[in-house]
Amino acid sequence: MENLKEETKIKAFLTRIKAEWPGVVERFEFKTGSVIYVHLKEGISSMDFLGKLSRQVERFVDFSMPIILYHIESDGMNLRSHPINWYSSIKQ
């Protein structure tokens, strides 16, 4: 039951990211319950996402389950994956 609550909070977290920055995130893809691919829009680099938004994104965290976000870049022809570990640090 607690795990279901955490998963709901994580999905809400991702929805807030996409709503806050619609020009940055194309979509999210769940690989497992804790590994999520963040598909960035064409021309947006992983470093752009991390450099400009990571501190702002942290304020949306309201869950304790650790997650790993893989940022997927696209230049229109190729995809590049950057496995950047990012996780919540809230203690219950």
PDB file of N, CA and C in Angstrom:
ATOM      1  N   MET A   1       0.822  -1.190   0.000  1.00  0.00           N
ATOM      2  CA  MET A   1       0.000   0.000   0.000  1.00  0.00           C
ATOM      3  C   MET A   1       0.871   1.261   0.000  1.00  0.00           C
ATOM      4  N   GLU A   2       1.899   1.267   0.857  1.00  0.00           N
ATOM      5  CA  GLU A   2       2.808   2.415   0.926  1.00  0.00           C
ATOM      6  C   GLU A   2       3.532   2.605  -0.405  1.00  0.00           C
ATOM      7  N   ASN A   3       3.917   1.496  -1.033  1.00  0.00           N
ATOM      8  CA  ASN A   3       4.602   1.563  -2.316  1.00  0.00           C
ATOM      9  C   ASN A   3       3.716   2.203  -3.377  1.00  0.00           C
ATOM     10  N   LEU A   4       2.432   1.898  -3.350  1.00  0.00           N
ATOM     11  CA  LEU A   4       1.484   2.487  -4.292  1.00  0.00           C
ATOM     12  C   LEU A   4       1.386   3.994  -4.095  1.00  0.00           C
ATOM     13  N   LYS A   5       1.410   4.443  -2.837  1.00  0.00           N
ATOM     14  CA  LYS A   5       1.384   5.876  -2.544  1.00  0.00           C
ATOM     15  C   LYS A   5       2.628   6.560  -3.110  1.00  0.00           C
ATOM     16  N   GLU A   6       3.772   5.915  -2.935  1.00  0.00           N
ATOM     17  CA  GLU A   6       5.024   6.470  -3.437  1.00  0.00           C
ATOM     18  C   GLU A   6       5.001   6.560  -4.963  1.00  0.00           C
ATOM     19  N   GLU A   7       4.518   5.525  -5.615  1.00  0.00           N
ATOM     20  CA  GLU A   7       4.448   5.537  -7.080  1.00  0.00           C
ATOM     21  C   GLU A   7       3.532   6.648  -7.576  1.00  0.00           C
ATOM     22  N   THR A   8       2.426   6.875  -6.886  1.00  0.00           N
ATOM     23  CA  THR A   8       1.503   7.951  -7.242  1.00  0.00           C
ATOM     24  C   THR A   8       2.189   9.307  -7.084  1.00  0.00           C
ATOM     25  N   LYS A   9       2.943   9.461  -6.012  1.00  0.00           N
ATOM     26  CA  LYS A   9       3.668  10.712  -5.777  1.00  0.00           C
ATOM     27  C   LYS A   9       4.741  10.928  -6.847  1.00  0.00           C
ATOM     28  N   ILE A  10       5.415   9.866  -7.262  1.00  0.00           N
ATOM     29  CA  ILE A  10       6.449   9.985  -8.289  1.00  0.00           C
ATOM     30  C   ILE A  10       5.816  10.407  -9.612  1.00  0.00           C
ATOM     31  N   LYS A  11       4.689   9.808  -9.966  1.00  0.00           N
ATOM     32  CA  LYS A  11       4.003  10.203 -11.206  1.00  0.00           C
ATOM     33  C   LYS A  11       3.562  11.660 -11.150  1.00  0.00           C
ATOM     34  N   ALA A  12       3.089  12.110  -9.998  1.00  0.00           N
ATOM     35  CA  ALA A  12       2.701  13.515  -9.832  1.00  0.00           C
ATOM     36  C   ALA A  12       3.925  14.424  -9.947  1.00  0.00           C
ATOM     37  N   PHE A  13       5.054  13.986  -9.415  1.00  0.00           N
ATOM     38  CA  PHE A  13       6.320  14.712  -9.503  1.00  0.00           C
ATOM     39  C   PHE A  13       6.706  14.917 -10.973  1.00  0.00           C
ATOM     40  N   LEU A  14       6.622  13.855 -11.762  1.00  0.00           N
ATOM     41  CA  LEU A  14       6.966  13.945 -13.180  1.00  0.00           C
ATOM     42  C   LEU A  14       5.992  14.842 -13.934  1.00  0.00           C
ATOM     43  N   THR A  15       4.728  14.767 -13.601  1.00  0.00           N
ATOM     44  CA  THR A  15       3.716  15.621 -14.233  1.00  0.00           C
ATOM     45  C   THR A  15       4.003  17.089 -13.944  1.00  0.00           C
ATOM     46  N   ARG A  16       4.416  17.388 -12.724  1.00  0.00           N
ATOM     47  CA  ARG A  16       4.741  18.779 -12.375  1.00  0.00           C
ATOM     48  C   ARG A  16       5.947  19.275 -13.160  1.00  0.00           C
ATOM     49  N   ILE A  17       6.947  18.411 -13.344  1.00  0.00           N
ATOM     50  CA  ILE A  17       8.129  18.804 -14.129  1.00  0.00           C
ATOM     51  C   ILE A  17       7.710  19.165 -15.551  1.00  0.00           C
ATOM     52  N   LYS A  18       6.934  18.299 -16.174  1.00  0.00           N
ATOM     53  CA  LYS A  18       6.527  18.531 -17.561  1.00  0.00           C
ATOM     54  C   LYS A  18       5.646  19.775 -17.679  1.00  0.00           C
ATOM     55  N   ALA A  19       4.768  19.992 -16.709  1.00  0.00           N
ATOM     56  CA  ALA A  19       3.890  21.163 -16.741  1.00  0.00           C
ATOM     57  C   ALA A  19       4.675  22.456 -16.522  1.00  0.00           C
ATOM     58  N   GLU A  20       5.657  22.415 -15.666  1.00  0.00           N
ATOM     59  CA  GLU A  20       6.455  23.597 -15.343  1.00  0.00           C
ATOM     60  C   GLU A  20       7.368  24.003 -16.507  1.00  0.00           C
ATOM     61  N   TRP A  21       7.895  23.014 -17.227  1.00  0.00           N
ATOM     62  CA  TRP A  21       8.820  23.278 -18.332  1.00  0.00           C
ATOM     63  C   TRP A  21       8.384  22.515 -19.580  1.00  0.00           C
ATOM     64  N   PRO A  22       7.290  22.924 -20.206  1.00  0.00           N
ATOM     65  CA  PRO A  22       6.770  22.175 -21.366  1.00  0.00           C
ATOM     66  C   PRO A  22       7.715  22.178 -22.569  1.00  0.00           C
ATOM     67  N   GLY A  23       8.610  23.134 -22.644  1.00  0.00           N
ATOM     68  CA  GLY A  23       9.535  23.186 -23.762  1.00  0.00           C
ATOM     69  C   GLY A  23      10.784  22.355 -23.580  1.00  0.00           C
ATOM     70  N   VAL A  24      10.884  21.632 -22.480  1.00  0.00           N
ATOM     71  CA  VAL A  24      12.095  20.872 -22.160  1.00  0.00           C
ATOM     72  C   VAL A  24      11.875  19.370 -22.263  1.00  0.00           C
ATOM     73  N   VAL A  25      10.795  18.877 -21.681  1.00  0.00           N
ATOM     74  CA  VAL A  25      10.560  17.434 -21.582  1.00  0.00           C
ATOM     75  C   VAL A  25       9.541  16.988 -22.627  1.00  0.00           C
ATOM     76  N   GLU A  26       9.943  16.007 -23.426  1.00  0.00           N
ATOM     77  CA  GLU A  26       9.043  15.424 -24.419  1.00  0.00           C
ATOM     78  C   GLU A  26       8.100  14.415 -23.763  1.00  0.00           C
ATOM     79  N   ARG A  27       8.713  13.474 -23.003  1.00  0.00           N
ATOM     80  CA  ARG A  27       7.917  12.449 -22.334  1.00  0.00           C
ATOM     81  C   ARG A  27       8.784  11.710 -21.323  1.00  0.00           C
ATOM     82  N   PHE A  28       8.118  10.918 -20.496  1.00  0.00           N
ATOM     83  CA  PHE A  28       8.783  10.055 -19.527  1.00  0.00           C
ATOM     84  C   PHE A  28       8.485   8.613 -19.879  1.00  0.00           C
ATOM     85  N   GLU A  29       9.452   7.754 -19.603  1.00  0.00           N
ATOM     86  CA  GLU A  29       9.285   6.325 -19.876  1.00  0.00           C
ATOM     87  C   GLU A  29       9.776   5.547 -18.652  1.00  0.00           C
ATOM     88  N   PHE A  30       8.884   4.784 -18.035  1.00  0.00           N
ATOM     89  CA  PHE A  30       9.255   3.980 -16.879  1.00  0.00           C
ATOM     90  C   PHE A  30       9.888   2.683 -17.352  1.00  0.00           C
ATOM     91  N   LYS A  31      11.139   2.443 -16.940  1.00  0.00           N
ATOM     92  CA  LYS A  31      11.806   1.180 -17.223  1.00  0.00           C
ATOM     93  C   LYS A  31      11.558   0.195 -16.092  1.00  0.00           C
ATOM     94  N   THR A  32      11.588   0.701 -14.876  1.00  0.00           N
ATOM     95  CA  THR A  32      11.204  -0.064 -13.687  1.00  0.00           C
ATOM     96  C   THR A  32      10.470   0.929 -12.786  1.00  0.00           C
ATOM     97  N   GLY A  33      10.124   0.510 -11.601  1.00  0.00           N
ATOM     98  CA  GLY A  33       9.453   1.414 -10.680  1.00  0.00           C
ATOM     99  C   GLY A  33      10.309   2.581 -10.235  1.00  0.00           C
ATOM    100  N   SER A  34      11.626   2.409 -10.321  1.00  0.00           N
ATOM    101  CA  SER A  34      12.521   3.474  -9.855  1.00  0.00           C
ATOM    102  C   SER A  34      13.465   4.010 -10.935  1.00  0.00           C
ATOM    103  N   VAL A  35      13.459   3.429 -12.113  1.00  0.00           N
ATOM    104  CA  VAL A  35      14.301   3.903 -13.215  1.00  0.00           C
ATOM    105  C   VAL A  35      13.395   4.518 -14.279  1.00  0.00           C
ATOM    106  N   ILE A  36      13.618   5.807 -14.524  1.00  0.00           N
ATOM    107  CA  ILE A  36      12.750   6.551 -15.428  1.00  0.00           C
ATOM    108  C   ILE A  36      13.601   7.258 -16.473  1.00  0.00           C
ATOM    109  N   TYR A  37      13.232   7.082 -17.733  1.00  0.00           N
ATOM    110  CA  TYR A  37      13.900   7.794 -18.821  1.00  0.00           C
ATOM    111  C   TYR A  37      13.166   9.106 -19.057  1.00  0.00           C
ATOM    112  N   VAL A  38      13.917  10.197 -19.041  1.00  0.00           N
ATOM    113  CA  VAL A  38      13.369  11.518 -19.331  1.00  0.00           C
ATOM    114  C   VAL A  38      13.787  11.858 -20.758  1.00  0.00           C
ATOM    115  N   HIS A  39      12.843  11.794 -21.674  1.00  0.00           N
ATOM    116  CA  HIS A  39      13.127  12.123 -23.069  1.00  0.00           C
ATOM    117  C   HIS A  39      13.026  13.637 -23.227  1.00  0.00           C
ATOM    118  N   LEU A  40      14.174  14.267 -23.475  1.00  0.00           N
ATOM    119  CA  LEU A  40      14.219  15.714 -23.639  1.00  0.00           C
ATOM    120  C   LEU A  40      13.852  16.087 -25.072  1.00  0.00           C
ATOM    121  N   LYS A  41      13.269  17.263 -25.221  1.00  0.00           N
ATOM    122  CA  LYS A  41      12.899  17.711 -26.562  1.00  0.00           C
ATOM    123  C   LYS A  41      14.154  17.962 -27.381  1.00  0.00           C
ATOM    124  N   GLU A  42      13.988  17.908 -28.684  1.00  0.00           N
ATOM    125  CA  GLU A  42      15.110  18.101 -29.601  1.00  0.00           C
ATOM    126  C   GLU A  42      15.808  19.428 -29.310  1.00  0.00           C
ATOM    127  N   GLY A  43      17.133  19.361 -29.224  1.00  0.00           N
ATOM    128  CA  GLY A  43      17.937  20.551 -28.976  1.00  0.00           C
ATOM    129  C   GLY A  43      18.189  20.855 -27.509  1.00  0.00           C
ATOM    130  N   ILE A  44      17.545  20.136 -26.602  1.00  0.00           N
ATOM    131  CA  ILE A  44      17.760  20.328 -25.167  1.00  0.00           C
ATOM    132  C   ILE A  44      18.766  19.278 -24.705  1.00  0.00           C
ATOM    133  N   SER A  45      19.837  19.729 -24.082  1.00  0.00           N
ATOM    134  CA  SER A  45      20.855  18.782 -23.615  1.00  0.00           C
ATOM    135  C   SER A  45      20.602  18.396 -22.162  1.00  0.00           C
ATOM    136  N   SER A  46      21.167  17.289 -21.792  1.00  0.00           N
ATOM    137  CA  SER A  46      21.074  16.823 -20.414  1.00  0.00           C
ATOM    138  C   SER A  46      21.682  17.858 -19.472  1.00  0.00           C
ATOM    139  N   MET A  47      22.758  18.480 -19.903  1.00  0.00           N
ATOM    140  CA  MET A  47      23.408  19.492 -19.074  1.00  0.00           C
ATOM    141  C   MET A  47      22.509  20.716 -18.911  1.00  0.00           C
ATOM    142  N   ASP A  48      21.754  21.063 -19.939  1.00  0.00           N
ATOM    143  CA  ASP A  48      20.773  22.153 -19.819  1.00  0.00           C
ATOM    144  C   ASP A  48      19.759  21.810 -18.738  1.00  0.00           C
ATOM    145  N   PHE A  49      19.252  20.593 -18.805  1.00  0.00           N
ATOM    146  CA  PHE A  49      18.248  20.144 -17.845  1.00  0.00           C
ATOM    147  C   PHE A  49      18.806  20.211 -16.431  1.00  0.00           C
ATOM    148  N   LEU A  50      19.983  19.658 -16.238  1.00  0.00           N
ATOM    149  CA  LEU A  50      20.572  19.628 -14.904  1.00  0.00           C
ATOM    150  C   LEU A  50      21.005  21.007 -14.428  1.00  0.00           C
ATOM    151  N   GLY A  51      21.658  21.754 -15.304  1.00  0.00           N
ATOM    152  CA  GLY A  51      22.197  23.045 -14.911  1.00  0.00           C
ATOM    153  C   GLY A  51      21.134  24.066 -14.558  1.00  0.00           C
ATOM    154  N   LYS A  52      20.081  24.106 -15.337  1.00  0.00           N
ATOM    155  CA  LYS A  52      19.064  25.128 -15.149  1.00  0.00           C
ATOM    156  C   LYS A  52      17.940  24.691 -14.220  1.00  0.00           C
ATOM    157  N   LEU A  53      17.623  23.406 -14.218  1.00  0.00           N
ATOM    158  CA  LEU A  53      16.394  22.989 -13.570  1.00  0.00           C
ATOM    159  C   LEU A  53      16.546  22.100 -12.345  1.00  0.00           C
ATOM    160  N   SER A  54      17.689  21.468 -12.165  1.00  0.00           N
ATOM    161  CA  SER A  54      17.779  20.454 -11.108  1.00  0.00           C
ATOM    162  C   SER A  54      17.450  20.997  -9.723  1.00  0.00           C
ATOM    163  N   ARG A  55      17.925  22.185  -9.398  1.00  0.00           N
ATOM    164  CA  ARG A  55      17.622  22.736  -8.073  1.00  0.00           C
ATOM    165  C   ARG A  55      16.148  23.083  -7.942  1.00  0.00           C
ATOM    166  N   GLN A  56      15.559  23.544  -9.021  1.00  0.00           N
ATOM    167  CA  GLN A  56      14.138  23.860  -8.993  1.00  0.00           C
ATOM    168  C   GLN A  56      13.294  22.592  -8.906  1.00  0.00           C
ATOM    169  N   VAL A  57      13.741  21.534  -9.568  1.00  0.00           N
ATOM    170  CA  VAL A  57      13.011  20.269  -9.555  1.00  0.00           C
ATOM    171  C   VAL A  57      12.963  19.683  -8.144  1.00  0.00           C
ATOM    172  N   GLU A  58      14.029  19.874  -7.377  1.00  0.00           N
ATOM    173  CA  GLU A  58      14.103  19.318  -6.028  1.00  0.00           C
ATOM    174  C   GLU A  58      12.942  19.766  -5.150  1.00  0.00           C
ATOM    175  N   ARG A  59      12.398  20.937  -5.388  1.00  0.00           N
ATOM    176  CA  ARG A  59      11.290  21.429  -4.550  1.00  0.00           C
ATOM    177  C   ARG A  59      10.007  20.634  -4.773  1.00  0.00           C
ATOM    178  N   PHE A  60       9.932  19.882  -5.868  1.00  0.00           N
ATOM    179  CA  PHE A  60       8.745  19.069  -6.157  1.00  0.00           C
ATOM    180  C   PHE A  60       8.768  17.706  -5.465  1.00  0.00           C
ATOM    181  N   VAL A  61       9.901  17.345  -4.889  1.00  0.00           N
ATOM    182  CA  VAL A  61      10.046  16.015  -4.280  1.00  0.00           C
ATOM    183  C   VAL A  61       9.237  15.946  -2.990  1.00  0.00           C
ATOM    184  N   ASP A  62       8.295  15.008  -2.938  1.00  0.00           N
ATOM    185  CA  ASP A  62       7.513  14.777  -1.724  1.00  0.00           C
ATOM    186  C   ASP A  62       7.366  13.278  -1.471  1.00  0.00           C
ATOM    187  N   PHE A  63       8.362  12.519  -1.907  1.00  0.00           N
ATOM    188  CA  PHE A  63       8.359  11.070  -1.750  1.00  0.00           C
ATOM    189  C   PHE A  63       9.715  10.640  -1.224  1.00  0.00           C
ATOM    190  N   SER A  64       9.769   9.434  -0.674  1.00  0.00           N
ATOM    191  CA  SER A  64      11.022   8.963  -0.086  1.00  0.00           C
ATOM    192  C   SER A  64      11.691   7.860  -0.894  1.00  0.00           C
ATOM    193  N   MET A  65      10.971   7.269  -1.832  1.00  0.00           N
ATOM    194  CA  MET A  65      11.530   6.186  -2.643  1.00  0.00           C
ATOM    195  C   MET A  65      12.597   6.747  -3.598  1.00  0.00           C
ATOM    196  N   PRO A  66      13.798   6.187  -3.609  1.00  0.00           N
ATOM    197  CA  PRO A  66      14.823   6.696  -4.523  1.00  0.00           C
ATOM    198  C   PRO A  66      14.462   6.398  -5.980  1.00  0.00           C
ATOM    199  N   ILE A  67      14.779   7.347  -6.853  1.00  0.00           N
ATOM    200  CA  ILE A  67      14.571   7.151  -8.288  1.00  0.00           C
ATOM    201  C   ILE A  67      15.840   7.537  -9.026  1.00  0.00           C
ATOM    202  N   ILE A  68      15.991   6.989 -10.223  1.00  0.00           N
ATOM    203  CA  ILE A  68      17.110   7.338 -11.095  1.00  0.00           C
ATOM    204  C   ILE A  68      16.508   7.852 -12.397  1.00  0.00           C
ATOM    205  N   LEU A  69      16.882   9.071 -12.761  1.00  0.00           N
ATOM    206  CA  LEU A  69      16.405   9.654 -14.008  1.00  0.00           C
ATOM    207  C   LEU A  69      17.524   9.585 -15.043  1.00  0.00           C
ATOM    208  N   TYR A  70      17.251   8.933 -16.147  1.00  0.00           N
ATOM    209  CA  TYR A  70      18.177   8.902 -17.275  1.00  0.00           C
ATOM    210  C   TYR A  70      17.695   9.944 -18.270  1.00  0.00           C
ATOM    211  N   HIS A  71      18.526  10.899 -18.583  1.00  0.00           N
ATOM    212  CA  HIS A  71      18.150  11.946 -19.522  1.00  0.00           C
ATOM    213  C   HIS A  71      18.498  11.496 -20.934  1.00  0.00           C
ATOM    214  N   ILE A  72      17.514  11.492 -21.805  1.00  0.00           N
ATOM    215  CA  ILE A  72      17.696  11.053 -23.184  1.00  0.00           C
ATOM    216  C   ILE A  72      17.640  12.280 -24.082  1.00  0.00           C
ATOM    217  N   GLU A  73      18.758  12.562 -24.757  1.00  0.00           N
ATOM    218  CA  GLU A  73      18.845  13.702 -25.672  1.00  0.00           C
ATOM    219  C   GLU A  73      18.551  13.243 -27.095  1.00  0.00           C
ATOM    220  N   SER A  74      18.024  14.162 -27.890  1.00  0.00           N
ATOM    221  CA  SER A  74      17.791  13.869 -29.303  1.00  0.00           C
ATOM    222  C   SER A  74      18.184  15.083 -30.130  1.00  0.00           C
ATOM    223  N   ASP A  75      18.894  14.821 -31.206  1.00  0.00           N
ATOM    224  CA  ASP A  75      19.224  15.912 -32.121  1.00  0.00           C
ATOM    225  C   ASP A  75      18.431  15.768 -33.422  1.00  0.00           C
ATOM    226  N   GLY A  76      17.396  14.976 -33.391  1.00  0.00           N
ATOM    227  CA  GLY A  76      16.568  14.757 -34.559  1.00  0.00           C
ATOM    228  C   GLY A  76      16.946  13.507 -35.331  1.00  0.00           C
ATOM    229  N   MET A  77      18.179  13.053 -35.174  1.00  0.00           N
ATOM    230  CA  MET A  77      18.639  11.864 -35.887  1.00  0.00           C
ATOM    231  C   MET A  77      19.159  10.793 -34.934  1.00  0.00           C
ATOM    232  N   ASN A  78      19.756  11.208 -33.841  1.00  0.00           N
ATOM    233  CA  ASN A  78      20.368  10.273 -32.901  1.00  0.00           C
ATOM    234  C   ASN A  78      19.838  10.502 -31.498  1.00  0.00           C
ATOM    235  N   LEU A  79      19.830   9.434 -30.718  1.00  0.00           N
ATOM    236  CA  LEU A  79      19.491   9.533 -29.300  1.00  0.00           C
ATOM    237  C   LEU A  79      20.752   9.292 -28.491  1.00  0.00           C
ATOM    238  N   ARG A  80      20.918  10.052 -27.443  1.00  0.00           N
ATOM    239  CA  ARG A  80      22.041   9.858 -26.532  1.00  0.00           C
ATOM    240  C   ARG A  80      21.472   9.766 -25.121  1.00  0.00           C
ATOM    241  N   SER A  81      21.894   8.760 -24.392  1.00  0.00           N
ATOM    242  CA  SER A  81      21.425   8.569 -23.029  1.00  0.00           C
ATOM    243  C   SER A  81      22.516   8.977 -22.055  1.00  0.00           C
ATOM    244  N   HIS A  82      22.135   9.734 -21.065  1.00  0.00           N
ATOM    245  CA  HIS A  82      23.068  10.149 -20.022  1.00  0.00           C
ATOM    246  C   HIS A  82      22.547   9.627 -18.688  1.00  0.00           C
ATOM    247  N   PRO A  83      23.139   8.551 -18.182  1.00  0.00           N
ATOM    248  CA  PRO A  83      22.657   7.949 -16.935  1.00  0.00           C
ATOM    249  C   PRO A  83      23.094   8.758 -15.716  1.00  0.00           C
ATOM    250  N   ILE A  84      22.315   9.758 -15.392  1.00  0.00           N
ATOM    251  CA  ILE A  84      22.634  10.620 -14.262  1.00  0.00           C
ATOM    252  C   ILE A  84      21.764  10.207 -13.089  1.00  0.00           C
ATOM    253  N   ASN A  85      22.393   9.741 -12.053  1.00  0.00           N
ATOM    254  CA  ASN A  85      21.650   9.300 -10.871  1.00  0.00           C
ATOM    255  C   ASN A  85      21.112  10.517 -10.133  1.00  0.00           C
ATOM    256  N   TRP A  86      19.828  10.512  -9.932  1.00  0.00           N
ATOM    257  CA  TRP A  86      19.182  11.594  -9.193  1.00  0.00           C
ATOM    258  C   TRP A  86      18.103  10.951  -8.363  1.00  0.00           C
ATOM    259  N   TYR A  87      18.077  11.245  -7.118  1.00  0.00           N
ATOM    260  CA  TYR A  87      17.142  10.545  -6.261  1.00  0.00           C
ATOM    261  C   TYR A  87      16.636  11.460  -5.154  1.00  0.00           C
ATOM    262  N   SER A  88      15.541  11.073  -4.577  1.00  0.00           N
ATOM    263  CA  SER A  88      14.974  11.836  -3.469  1.00  0.00           C
ATOM    264  C   SER A  88      15.785  11.578  -2.222  1.00  0.00           C
ATOM    265  N   SER A  89      15.783  12.534  -1.332  1.00  0.00           N
ATOM    266  CA  SER A  89      16.536  12.372  -0.094  1.00  0.00           C
ATOM    267  C   SER A  89      15.672  12.644   1.126  1.00  0.00           C
ATOM    268  N   ILE A  90      14.381  12.682   0.962  1.00  0.00           N
ATOM    269  CA  ILE A  90      13.477  12.935   2.083  1.00  0.00           C
ATOM    270  C   ILE A  90      13.436  11.714   2.995  1.00  0.00           C
ATOM    271  N   LYS A  91      13.532  11.951   4.265  1.00  0.00           N
ATOM    272  CA  LYS A  91      13.449  10.874   5.255  1.00  0.00           C
ATOM    273  C   LYS A  91      12.068  10.903   5.883  1.00  0.00           C
ATOM    274  N   GLN A  92      11.501   9.737   6.112  1.00  0.00           N
ATOM    275  CA  GLN A  92      10.156   9.645   6.724  1.00  0.00           C
ATOM    276  C   GLN A  92      10.277   9.586   8.221  1.00  0.00           C
TER     277      GLN A  92
END
